[in-house]
């Protein structure tokens, strides 16, 4: 198995420590879901109200349909990298 980016560490002895199953799962889930979620959020900045509304509806529907597949680590990433930036744009 290859290395998972950001999941291998080097303790004081210098040998590599294999990634935990949770770190591997988080990495895979991010690679699968983040392009989709980020595209929805990018579409929410379009000038067309119809495009923005459809993107928001699709994002909500995606969360509604797939939230059970997201672990705590992925939800933290989603809040920090997907939802908070959207809320920041609304605040401005």
N, C-alpha and C. Protein backbone atom coordinates (compact mmCIF):
# COMPACT_ATOMS: atom_id res chain seq x y z
N UNK A 1 0.85 -1.18 0.00
CA UNK A 1 0.00 0.00 0.00
C UNK A 1 0.89 1.23 0.00
N UNK A 2 0.52 2.26 -0.77
CA UNK A 2 1.30 3.48 -0.83
C UNK A 2 1.04 4.37 0.37
N UNK A 3 1.81 5.42 0.44
CA UNK A 3 1.64 6.37 1.53
C UNK A 3 0.40 7.21 1.31
N UNK A 4 -0.27 7.53 2.39
CA UNK A 4 -1.39 8.46 2.35
C UNK A 4 -0.83 9.82 2.75
N UNK A 5 -1.02 10.84 1.91
CA UNK A 5 -0.44 12.15 2.21
C UNK A 5 -0.84 12.62 3.60
N UNK A 6 0.16 13.08 4.34
CA UNK A 6 -0.10 13.64 5.65
C UNK A 6 -0.40 12.61 6.73
N UNK A 7 -0.28 11.32 6.42
CA UNK A 7 -0.68 10.33 7.41
C UNK A 7 0.49 9.54 7.97
N UNK A 8 1.68 9.76 7.47
CA UNK A 8 2.83 9.03 7.97
C UNK A 8 3.64 9.96 8.86
N UNK A 9 4.10 9.45 9.97
CA UNK A 9 4.89 10.27 10.88
C UNK A 9 6.22 9.62 11.15
N UNK A 10 7.14 10.38 11.70
CA UNK A 10 8.46 9.86 12.06
C UNK A 10 8.68 10.12 13.54
N UNK A 11 8.63 9.06 14.34
CA UNK A 11 8.95 9.25 15.75
C UNK A 11 10.44 9.50 15.94
N UNK A 12 10.85 9.69 17.18
CA UNK A 12 12.25 10.02 17.49
C UNK A 12 13.24 9.02 16.91
N UNK A 13 12.89 7.74 16.81
CA UNK A 13 13.79 6.73 16.29
C UNK A 13 14.00 6.81 14.79
N UNK A 14 13.16 7.55 14.06
CA UNK A 14 13.34 7.72 12.63
C UNK A 14 12.59 6.72 11.78
N UNK A 15 11.94 5.71 12.35
CA UNK A 15 11.20 4.76 11.52
C UNK A 15 9.80 5.30 11.23
N UNK A 16 9.23 4.89 10.10
CA UNK A 16 7.90 5.36 9.72
C UNK A 16 6.84 4.63 10.51
N UNK A 17 5.79 5.37 10.90
CA UNK A 17 4.65 4.80 11.60
C UNK A 17 3.51 4.74 10.59
N UNK A 18 2.90 3.56 10.41
CA UNK A 18 1.81 3.46 9.46
C UNK A 18 0.61 4.33 9.88
N UNK A 19 -0.10 4.80 8.90
CA UNK A 19 -1.28 5.61 9.15
C UNK A 19 -2.33 4.78 9.89
N UNK A 20 -3.09 5.47 10.71
CA UNK A 20 -4.18 4.79 11.40
C UNK A 20 -5.31 4.56 10.40
N UNK A 21 -6.16 3.58 10.66
CA UNK A 21 -7.31 3.37 9.76
C UNK A 21 -8.18 4.61 9.63
N UNK A 22 -8.34 5.37 10.71
CA UNK A 22 -9.15 6.59 10.66
C UNK A 22 -8.49 7.64 9.76
N UNK A 23 -7.16 7.77 9.83
CA UNK A 23 -6.46 8.74 8.99
C UNK A 23 -6.58 8.36 7.51
N UNK A 24 -6.49 7.08 7.22
CA UNK A 24 -6.64 6.62 5.84
C UNK A 24 -8.06 6.88 5.35
N UNK A 25 -9.04 6.55 6.18
CA UNK A 25 -10.45 6.76 5.81
C UNK A 25 -10.73 8.24 5.57
N UNK A 26 -10.22 9.11 6.45
CA UNK A 26 -10.42 10.54 6.28
C UNK A 26 -9.80 11.03 4.98
N UNK A 27 -8.61 10.57 4.67
CA UNK A 27 -7.93 10.97 3.44
C UNK A 27 -8.72 10.55 2.21
N UNK A 28 -9.20 9.32 2.20
CA UNK A 28 -9.97 8.81 1.07
C UNK A 28 -11.29 9.57 0.94
N UNK A 29 -11.98 9.77 2.06
CA UNK A 29 -13.26 10.48 2.02
C UNK A 29 -13.07 11.92 1.52
N UNK A 30 -11.98 12.57 1.96
CA UNK A 30 -11.71 13.93 1.50
C UNK A 30 -11.48 13.94 0.00
N UNK A 31 -10.70 12.99 -0.49
CA UNK A 31 -10.42 12.94 -1.93
C UNK A 31 -11.69 12.71 -2.73
N UNK A 32 -12.64 11.97 -2.18
CA UNK A 32 -13.88 11.69 -2.89
C UNK A 32 -14.88 12.84 -2.80
N UNK A 33 -15.05 13.39 -1.61
CA UNK A 33 -16.13 14.34 -1.39
C UNK A 33 -15.76 15.80 -1.57
N UNK A 34 -14.54 16.18 -1.27
CA UNK A 34 -14.21 17.61 -1.31
C UNK A 34 -14.35 18.24 -2.69
N UNK A 35 -13.97 17.57 -3.78
CA UNK A 35 -14.21 18.20 -5.09
C UNK A 35 -15.69 18.49 -5.34
N UNK A 36 -16.54 17.59 -4.92
CA UNK A 36 -17.99 17.78 -5.10
C UNK A 36 -18.48 18.94 -4.24
N UNK A 37 -18.14 18.91 -2.96
CA UNK A 37 -18.62 19.94 -2.04
C UNK A 37 -18.08 21.31 -2.40
N UNK A 38 -16.82 21.38 -2.79
CA UNK A 38 -16.24 22.67 -3.16
C UNK A 38 -16.85 23.23 -4.44
N UNK A 39 -17.22 22.37 -5.37
CA UNK A 39 -17.88 22.85 -6.58
C UNK A 39 -19.26 23.41 -6.26
N UNK A 40 -19.98 22.77 -5.35
CA UNK A 40 -21.26 23.34 -4.93
C UNK A 40 -21.05 24.72 -4.34
N UNK A 41 -20.06 24.87 -3.47
CA UNK A 41 -19.84 26.17 -2.84
C UNK A 41 -19.37 27.20 -3.85
N UNK A 42 -18.59 26.79 -4.83
CA UNK A 42 -18.16 27.72 -5.88
C UNK A 42 -19.37 28.20 -6.69
N UNK A 43 -20.29 27.30 -6.96
CA UNK A 43 -21.48 27.69 -7.72
C UNK A 43 -22.38 28.64 -6.93
N UNK A 44 -22.25 28.61 -5.61
CA UNK A 44 -23.07 29.51 -4.79
C UNK A 44 -22.61 30.95 -4.89
N UNK A 45 -21.50 31.22 -5.57
CA UNK A 45 -21.04 32.59 -5.76
C UNK A 45 -21.35 33.11 -7.16
N UNK A 46 -22.03 32.32 -7.96
CA UNK A 46 -22.39 32.74 -9.32
C UNK A 46 -23.38 33.89 -9.29
N UNK A 47 -23.43 34.65 -10.36
CA UNK A 47 -24.35 35.78 -10.45
C UNK A 47 -25.80 35.34 -10.58
N UNK A 48 -26.02 34.23 -11.25
CA UNK A 48 -27.38 33.75 -11.48
C UNK A 48 -28.00 33.23 -10.18
N UNK A 49 -29.13 33.80 -9.82
CA UNK A 49 -29.84 33.37 -8.61
C UNK A 49 -30.26 31.91 -8.75
N UNK A 50 -30.67 31.51 -9.93
CA UNK A 50 -31.09 30.13 -10.15
C UNK A 50 -29.93 29.15 -9.91
N UNK A 51 -28.75 29.49 -10.41
CA UNK A 51 -27.58 28.64 -10.20
C UNK A 51 -27.25 28.56 -8.72
N UNK A 52 -27.24 29.71 -8.04
CA UNK A 52 -26.93 29.72 -6.60
C UNK A 52 -27.94 28.89 -5.81
N UNK A 53 -29.21 29.06 -6.11
CA UNK A 53 -30.24 28.31 -5.40
C UNK A 53 -30.12 26.80 -5.64
N UNK A 54 -29.85 26.43 -6.89
CA UNK A 54 -29.70 25.01 -7.20
C UNK A 54 -28.47 24.41 -6.53
N UNK A 55 -27.39 25.18 -6.47
CA UNK A 55 -26.17 24.69 -5.82
C UNK A 55 -26.39 24.49 -4.32
N UNK A 56 -27.06 25.43 -3.69
CA UNK A 56 -27.36 25.30 -2.26
C UNK A 56 -28.28 24.11 -2.01
N UNK A 57 -29.29 23.96 -2.85
CA UNK A 57 -30.20 22.82 -2.72
C UNK A 57 -29.45 21.49 -2.90
N UNK A 58 -28.56 21.44 -3.87
CA UNK A 58 -27.79 20.21 -4.10
C UNK A 58 -26.85 19.92 -2.93
N UNK A 59 -26.22 20.95 -2.36
CA UNK A 59 -25.35 20.77 -1.20
C UNK A 59 -26.14 20.22 -0.02
N UNK A 60 -27.28 20.81 0.25
CA UNK A 60 -28.13 20.34 1.35
C UNK A 60 -28.60 18.92 1.10
N UNK A 61 -29.00 18.62 -0.11
CA UNK A 61 -29.46 17.26 -0.44
C UNK A 61 -28.33 16.25 -0.29
N UNK A 62 -27.13 16.64 -0.69
CA UNK A 62 -25.97 15.76 -0.54
C UNK A 62 -25.72 15.45 0.93
N UNK A 63 -25.75 16.47 1.77
CA UNK A 63 -25.58 16.24 3.21
C UNK A 63 -26.70 15.37 3.75
N UNK A 64 -27.91 15.63 3.31
CA UNK A 64 -29.06 14.85 3.79
C UNK A 64 -28.94 13.38 3.39
N UNK A 65 -28.52 13.14 2.17
CA UNK A 65 -28.43 11.76 1.66
C UNK A 65 -27.20 11.00 2.17
N UNK A 66 -26.10 11.70 2.43
CA UNK A 66 -24.84 11.01 2.68
C UNK A 66 -24.19 11.30 4.03
N UNK A 67 -24.86 12.06 4.89
CA UNK A 67 -24.25 12.45 6.15
C UNK A 67 -23.80 11.27 7.01
N UNK A 68 -24.48 10.16 6.91
CA UNK A 68 -24.14 9.00 7.73
C UNK A 68 -22.78 8.41 7.35
N UNK A 69 -22.31 8.68 6.14
CA UNK A 69 -21.02 8.17 5.68
C UNK A 69 -19.85 9.03 6.16
N UNK A 70 -20.14 10.21 6.67
CA UNK A 70 -19.10 11.13 7.08
C UNK A 70 -18.80 10.92 8.55
N UNK A 71 -17.54 10.63 8.87
CA UNK A 71 -17.11 10.49 10.26
C UNK A 71 -16.85 11.86 10.87
N UNK A 72 -16.54 11.85 12.15
CA UNK A 72 -16.30 13.10 12.87
C UNK A 72 -15.17 13.91 12.25
N UNK A 73 -14.09 13.24 11.86
CA UNK A 73 -12.96 13.95 11.26
C UNK A 73 -13.33 14.64 9.97
N UNK A 74 -14.11 13.97 9.14
CA UNK A 74 -14.53 14.58 7.88
C UNK A 74 -15.48 15.75 8.12
N UNK A 75 -16.38 15.60 9.11
CA UNK A 75 -17.29 16.71 9.42
C UNK A 75 -16.51 17.93 9.87
N UNK A 76 -15.45 17.72 10.64
CA UNK A 76 -14.62 18.86 11.06
C UNK A 76 -14.01 19.55 9.84
N UNK A 77 -13.52 18.76 8.90
CA UNK A 77 -12.95 19.32 7.67
C UNK A 77 -14.02 20.04 6.85
N UNK A 78 -15.21 19.46 6.76
CA UNK A 78 -16.30 20.07 6.00
C UNK A 78 -16.68 21.42 6.62
N UNK A 79 -16.82 21.45 7.94
CA UNK A 79 -17.17 22.72 8.59
C UNK A 79 -16.09 23.77 8.36
N UNK A 80 -14.84 23.37 8.52
CA UNK A 80 -13.75 24.34 8.40
C UNK A 80 -13.45 24.79 6.98
N UNK A 81 -13.59 23.89 6.00
CA UNK A 81 -13.15 24.19 4.65
C UNK A 81 -14.28 24.39 3.64
N UNK A 82 -15.50 24.01 4.02
CA UNK A 82 -16.62 24.16 3.09
C UNK A 82 -17.67 25.11 3.65
N UNK A 83 -18.18 24.82 4.84
CA UNK A 83 -19.31 25.60 5.36
C UNK A 83 -18.89 26.97 5.90
N UNK A 84 -17.83 27.04 6.67
CA UNK A 84 -17.43 28.34 7.21
C UNK A 84 -17.09 29.36 6.13
N UNK A 85 -16.37 28.97 5.06
CA UNK A 85 -16.14 29.96 4.00
C UNK A 85 -17.44 30.47 3.36
N UNK A 86 -18.42 29.61 3.23
CA UNK A 86 -19.72 30.05 2.68
C UNK A 86 -20.36 31.05 3.63
N UNK A 87 -20.33 30.75 4.93
CA UNK A 87 -20.92 31.66 5.90
C UNK A 87 -20.16 32.97 5.97
N UNK A 88 -18.86 32.94 5.79
CA UNK A 88 -18.06 34.17 5.77
C UNK A 88 -18.48 35.05 4.59
N UNK A 89 -18.73 34.43 3.43
CA UNK A 89 -19.17 35.20 2.27
C UNK A 89 -20.52 35.85 2.52
N UNK A 90 -21.39 35.17 3.24
CA UNK A 90 -22.71 35.73 3.55
C UNK A 90 -22.58 36.91 4.49
N UNK A 91 -21.65 36.80 5.44
CA UNK A 91 -21.47 37.85 6.45
C UNK A 91 -21.02 39.16 5.84
N UNK A 92 -20.26 39.10 4.79
CA UNK A 92 -19.70 40.31 4.16
C UNK A 92 -20.73 41.10 3.46
